[in-house]
Structure formats: structure tokens, C-alpha cells
């Protein structure tokens, strides 16, 4: 049986003129890097494939001329954070100048696409084969994972799942060595899938038991997007409530309905995840990291971090390396 790299990626990579680069074993310390000829474009497409199960991909490429490709691919699922250029290729109705969380259900068919020159293509994504979500996941965990095609089809850029976006950005920033790469990427793929499965369950509960009006749901997503950008600041709940055009109690109640955590917990999670990223991908002092993510006292940061991860910041940095 062909692996996911042979079936899903190599047929179109060769058509658009991308080939394995000379730094194939050094780039990002694991995975495979494909680059265009300098006369065709700049950048790269990086792929970490695992057998006939899944692949993690990062696109950062610009072509100097219009390109088109067509190939026959098997059934697969994909989801990821896409910049507006790729998002428009996938969903015409997406109207965003920022990243969009999108899902795609690919059937066994002939796929064709065109990409204009000088358009930056940036994304971090995950692709899954039926062998992975129909057999591996259902056999290891639950038959509920057979619902993944339906769930992923609902990721159309109309909403956000901050936890998924954060996990994908962690994948993009972290560069595990070959010896631990498979364990790391499998854990992140499972994390992303678990989050969207829970998101789907929450959506069902909202619609069946206590449906949130569209305008309220949109307001809560605006609040969470604001927190994603300003998590290090102290923001009074009254300010958030006014921006959402809701009372304090209603806003906090709706927020927990949508995200499954309180606003305080949501902010804490954002701070911890950002701190993890800096601990792993920088040499900054722990006290500096504490201040950067919104904690004035080093001790308070260490206590919250250990409560969330079971490790002190210093232990976490040492353990991961």
C-alpha cells in the first residue's frame, strides 16, 4: 500500500516544479523539504508524513508565474490555518485578510487547481487518510471518530477554535529532532482532533439544549479573538461585557458555554501555551517570559505553570530538551 506522501503530495509537487532540496535532512530537523527552482519561485513546502496515516505540512511559497496542476488523489481529510490566498482557493465565500481555520473533505477524484503568480501561500495543516480516522482512531479510542468527515466539513472559516489555532502554531514553531519527532507530531495531531471532536459535541449541546443566538455567538467569538491578542493585559470583565453588548453575568455564562472554560481559565491557558512556546524556542530568562505573558511576579507564574503542566518552567524546559 502506498504511503500518504506518494498518494497525496508527490503527484502535484512534481507537476508544479517542487523537488526535494539539498537541505532535506537538516530543514526543521525532521521531515521532508520541497523547494521550487529559483527561476520558478521561492520558499518551500515541508511535509512530515507517517506511513499511510497522516501528514503534517507547512507551506511558505510564492511562484513567479501562474501555475496549474491536475491529479487523481485518494479520499482524505485535511484541516489547518490558511492565509487568505489559500483560503480563497478552498472557499470562495471566505472574506478574510487574516488566517482562517478551514477543513476539507477530499473524495477519490481528479483534482485540479490554479495558482496565480506572486501570491504568497502560507499554511500549517494536517492531512488524514481513511486508514487513520476510520480504522486506527476507532480501533484505539472510539467509533465516534468516524464522524470526523462531517465535523471537518463544518470548518469553513465562519468561526474560530482558538485551541486548535494555538496547537497548530505550536507545531509550526517547534522543531523536534528525528528521534522524537514522530511522538511529538502524533501527540499534536491527536490533540487537534480531540479538540475539534469536543467542539462538535459542544455545538450539538448548544443547539439541542440552549441554542445561542447568532449575534451572541458572534460577540463571544469577538471577545475570544480580542483575548487572543491581548491575553497579557489585565482586562476588566466589565469592559469585555460592554464590547459584547451583554450584561456581565450573561457574557461570562455564554463564554463558558462556547469555550467550555471561564474567561479567567481561557486567559490562563493562552498564557501557559505562549510561555511553553517561548521556553522551548528561545533562550529568554524565565522571569522575562513571565513578564511577557502577563505575570508581574516570577513566583506567581511558576505556581500557575506547575499547576497547569505538573512541571516548573525550568523543569519543563529541561525535560523537553
Foldseek 3Di string as FASTA:
>chain_A
DAACCVFPPPQVCVQLAWDFDPCQCPVLQDFTWTAHDVQFWGDIKTWDTDGNWKIKIWAWIFTQAKGKDKDWHAWKKKWWWWAPQVLCQVPVPDDDRGTAIAMDTDHGGMDMDMHGGPDTTTIIMMMGDCCHQCPVCCVVPNNLSVCVVVLRNPRNRPADQVVLNLLSVLVVLHRDHPVCVVVVVVVSVVVNSVSSSVLVVLCVCCVPPPPDDPLLVVLLRVLLVVCLVVLQDDDDLCVSCVSSVHDSVVSQVVNCSNNVDGPVVSSLVSLLSVLLSCLQRHPDDQCVSCNVSHHNDSVVQQVSNCVVPVDGSVRSSVVVD
